Amino acid sequence: MAARLFSKATRPFEFSGTRGEIEEMKKTVVLYDDGCAFCTVQMRRLERLDWRHALLAMPLSAPEALEAAPGLTREGLTRELHCVTPRGRVLTAARAFRHLFSRVPLLTPLALLMWVPGVILVAEVVYRWVAAHRSWLSRVLGDSRP
């Protein structure tokens, strides 16, 4: 019988006691739009840098995607990147990237930079622009489905 470790308001994953599931609970879940070529390519790049396996990339097409972020709709999830921390906190946009960068050693300096006062505000503006132009960026950068 599975025991619920987190309330539905935080993270609705069930724990059955296997070592693999304990390790999964330590990961940050990254919810990304796998219908977007730009998003998919960037997620693959992030996964290659994640040699510690601290991130669990979850495409929005996965049935578990809506369960990972309670209270969010598929439309809301496609608008911007979401991540769910191991403690169940949902972060979006540039704040999600700041958390992701802190979990990947090669990107930790960027995470630290994003903690400098005011930098996260600039990062949010940049993120919004990139999110609004991701189809165009995909064509310009030559990104295609992996």
Protein backbone atom coordinates (compact mmCIF):
# COMPACT_ATOMS: atom_id res chain seq x y z
CA MET A 1 0.00 0.00 0.00
CA ALA A 2 1.39 3.38 -0.98
CA ALA A 3 1.72 6.15 1.57
CA ARG A 4 1.22 9.75 0.55
CA LEU A 5 4.25 11.83 1.56
CA PHE A 6 3.04 15.18 0.31
CA SER A 7 -0.38 16.76 0.49
CA LYS A 8 -2.28 17.26 -2.77
CA ALA A 9 -1.53 20.96 -2.51
CA THR A 10 2.20 20.38 -2.79
CA ARG A 11 3.10 17.27 -4.75
CA PRO A 12 0.72 14.41 -5.44
CA PHE A 13 3.23 11.64 -6.05
CA GLU A 14 2.83 8.46 -4.11
CA PHE A 15 5.69 6.63 -2.48
CA SER A 16 5.85 2.86 -2.38
CA GLY A 17 9.25 2.57 -0.76
CA THR A 18 11.58 1.58 -3.60
CA ARG A 19 15.05 3.10 -3.82
CA GLY A 20 14.32 4.50 -7.30
CA GLU A 21 11.24 6.32 -6.07
CA ILE A 22 13.14 7.80 -3.15
CA GLU A 23 15.71 9.16 -5.63
CA GLU A 24 12.94 10.54 -7.89
CA MET A 25 11.57 12.54 -4.94
CA LYS A 26 14.91 14.38 -4.66
CA LYS A 27 14.66 15.64 -8.24
CA THR A 28 13.25 18.85 -9.57
CA VAL A 29 10.49 18.10 -12.06
CA VAL A 30 10.76 20.27 -15.17
CA LEU A 31 7.50 20.61 -17.12
CA TYR A 32 8.20 21.65 -20.68
CA ASP A 33 6.18 22.02 -23.87
CA ASP A 34 7.22 19.09 -26.04
CA GLY A 35 5.01 20.49 -28.81
CA CYS A 36 7.53 23.33 -29.15
CA ALA A 37 10.74 22.43 -31.03
CA PHE A 38 12.69 25.27 -29.36
CA CYS A 39 11.60 24.14 -25.87
CA THR A 40 12.42 20.49 -26.59
CA VAL A 41 15.90 21.28 -27.93
CA GLN A 42 16.68 23.52 -24.94
CA MET A 43 15.48 20.81 -22.55
CA ARG A 44 17.75 18.25 -24.22
CA ARG A 45 20.68 20.65 -23.83
CA LEU A 46 19.86 21.12 -20.15
CA GLU A 47 19.63 17.34 -19.67
CA ARG A 48 23.09 16.87 -21.19
CA LEU A 49 24.53 19.29 -18.61
CA ASP A 50 22.71 17.55 -15.75
CA TRP A 51 25.28 14.83 -15.04
CA ARG A 52 24.10 14.67 -11.40
CA HIS A 53 20.61 13.71 -12.59
CA ALA A 54 19.03 16.35 -10.36
CA LEU A 55 16.31 17.13 -12.90
CA LEU A 56 13.42 15.06 -14.17
CA ALA A 57 12.25 16.41 -17.53
CA MET A 58 8.53 15.81 -17.99
CA PRO A 59 6.91 16.70 -21.32
CA LEU A 60 3.44 18.20 -21.14
CA SER A 61 2.15 15.33 -23.26
CA ALA A 62 2.87 12.94 -20.36
CA PRO A 63 -0.28 12.04 -18.41
CA GLU A 64 1.53 12.83 -15.13
CA ALA A 65 2.28 16.42 -16.14
CA LEU A 66 -0.94 17.87 -14.74
CA GLU A 67 -0.51 15.85 -11.55
CA ALA A 68 2.97 17.27 -11.00
CA ALA A 69 1.64 20.84 -10.77
CA PRO A 70 -1.75 20.73 -9.05
CA GLY A 71 -4.13 23.53 -9.87
CA LEU A 72 -2.50 24.37 -13.21
CA THR A 73 -4.07 23.85 -16.60
CA ARG A 74 -2.38 22.51 -19.71
CA GLU A 75 -2.83 25.99 -21.27
CA GLY A 76 -1.03 27.61 -18.34
CA LEU A 77 1.76 25.06 -18.56
CA THR A 78 2.31 25.70 -22.28
CA ARG A 79 2.63 29.44 -21.75
CA GLU A 80 5.80 29.24 -19.68
CA LEU A 81 8.29 26.79 -18.21
CA HIS A 82 7.31 25.35 -14.83
CA CYS A 83 9.36 23.37 -12.36
CA VAL A 84 8.34 21.63 -9.18
CA THR A 85 11.04 21.58 -6.52
CA PRO A 86 11.65 18.48 -4.38
CA ARG A 87 9.65 20.22 -1.64
CA GLY A 88 6.68 20.73 -3.96
CA ARG A 89 7.08 24.45 -4.70
CA VAL A 90 6.06 25.44 -8.24
CA LEU A 91 8.31 28.00 -9.95
CA THR A 92 7.76 29.57 -13.36
CA ALA A 93 9.63 31.45 -16.06
CA ALA A 94 12.97 33.01 -15.02
CA ARG A 95 12.55 31.95 -11.41
CA ALA A 96 12.22 28.36 -12.62
CA PHE A 97 15.43 28.75 -14.62
CA ARG A 98 17.22 30.22 -11.60
CA HIS A 99 16.28 27.10 -9.61
CA LEU A 100 17.23 24.76 -12.47
CA PHE A 101 20.58 26.50 -12.90
CA SER A 102 21.27 26.06 -9.17
CA ARG A 103 20.80 22.28 -9.55
CA VAL A 104 23.24 21.93 -12.47
CA PRO A 105 26.89 22.56 -11.45
CA LEU A 106 28.05 24.14 -14.72
CA LEU A 107 25.13 26.59 -14.57
CA THR A 108 25.39 27.46 -10.87
CA PRO A 109 27.28 30.73 -11.58
CA LEU A 110 24.26 31.89 -13.62
CA ALA A 111 21.96 30.99 -10.73
CA LEU A 112 24.12 33.04 -8.36
CA LEU A 113 24.08 35.97 -10.77
CA MET A 114 20.28 35.78 -10.89
CA TRP A 115 20.19 36.34 -7.10
CA VAL A 116 21.82 39.77 -7.47
CA PRO A 117 19.10 42.36 -6.74
CA GLY A 118 17.30 43.42 -9.89
CA VAL A 119 18.76 40.71 -12.15
CA ILE A 120 15.70 38.46 -11.81
CA LEU A 121 13.49 41.32 -13.04
CA VAL A 122 15.62 41.68 -16.16
CA ALA A 123 15.66 37.90 -16.57
CA GLU A 124 11.84 37.84 -16.42
CA VAL A 125 11.63 40.43 -19.21
CA VAL A 126 14.11 38.45 -21.33
CA TYR A 127 12.21 35.22 -20.60
CA ARG A 128 8.88 36.77 -21.66
CA TRP A 129 10.43 37.97 -24.93
CA VAL A 130 11.97 34.56 -25.67
CA ALA A 131 8.71 32.77 -24.79
CA ALA A 132 6.74 35.06 -27.10
CA HIS A 133 9.21 34.49 -29.97
CA ARG A 134 10.15 30.84 -29.48
CA SER A 135 8.84 29.70 -32.88
CA TRP A 136 10.82 32.40 -34.64
CA LEU A 137 13.93 31.67 -32.54
CA SER A 138 13.64 27.99 -33.40
CA ARG A 139 13.74 28.82 -37.12
CA VAL A 140 16.55 31.39 -36.79
CA LEU A 141 18.74 29.13 -34.62
CA GLY A 142 18.05 26.11 -36.78
CA ASP A 143 16.68 24.12 -33.87
CA SER A 144 14.62 21.17 -34.92
CA ARG A 145 13.07 18.25 -33.14
CA PRO A 146 15.77 15.98 -31.68
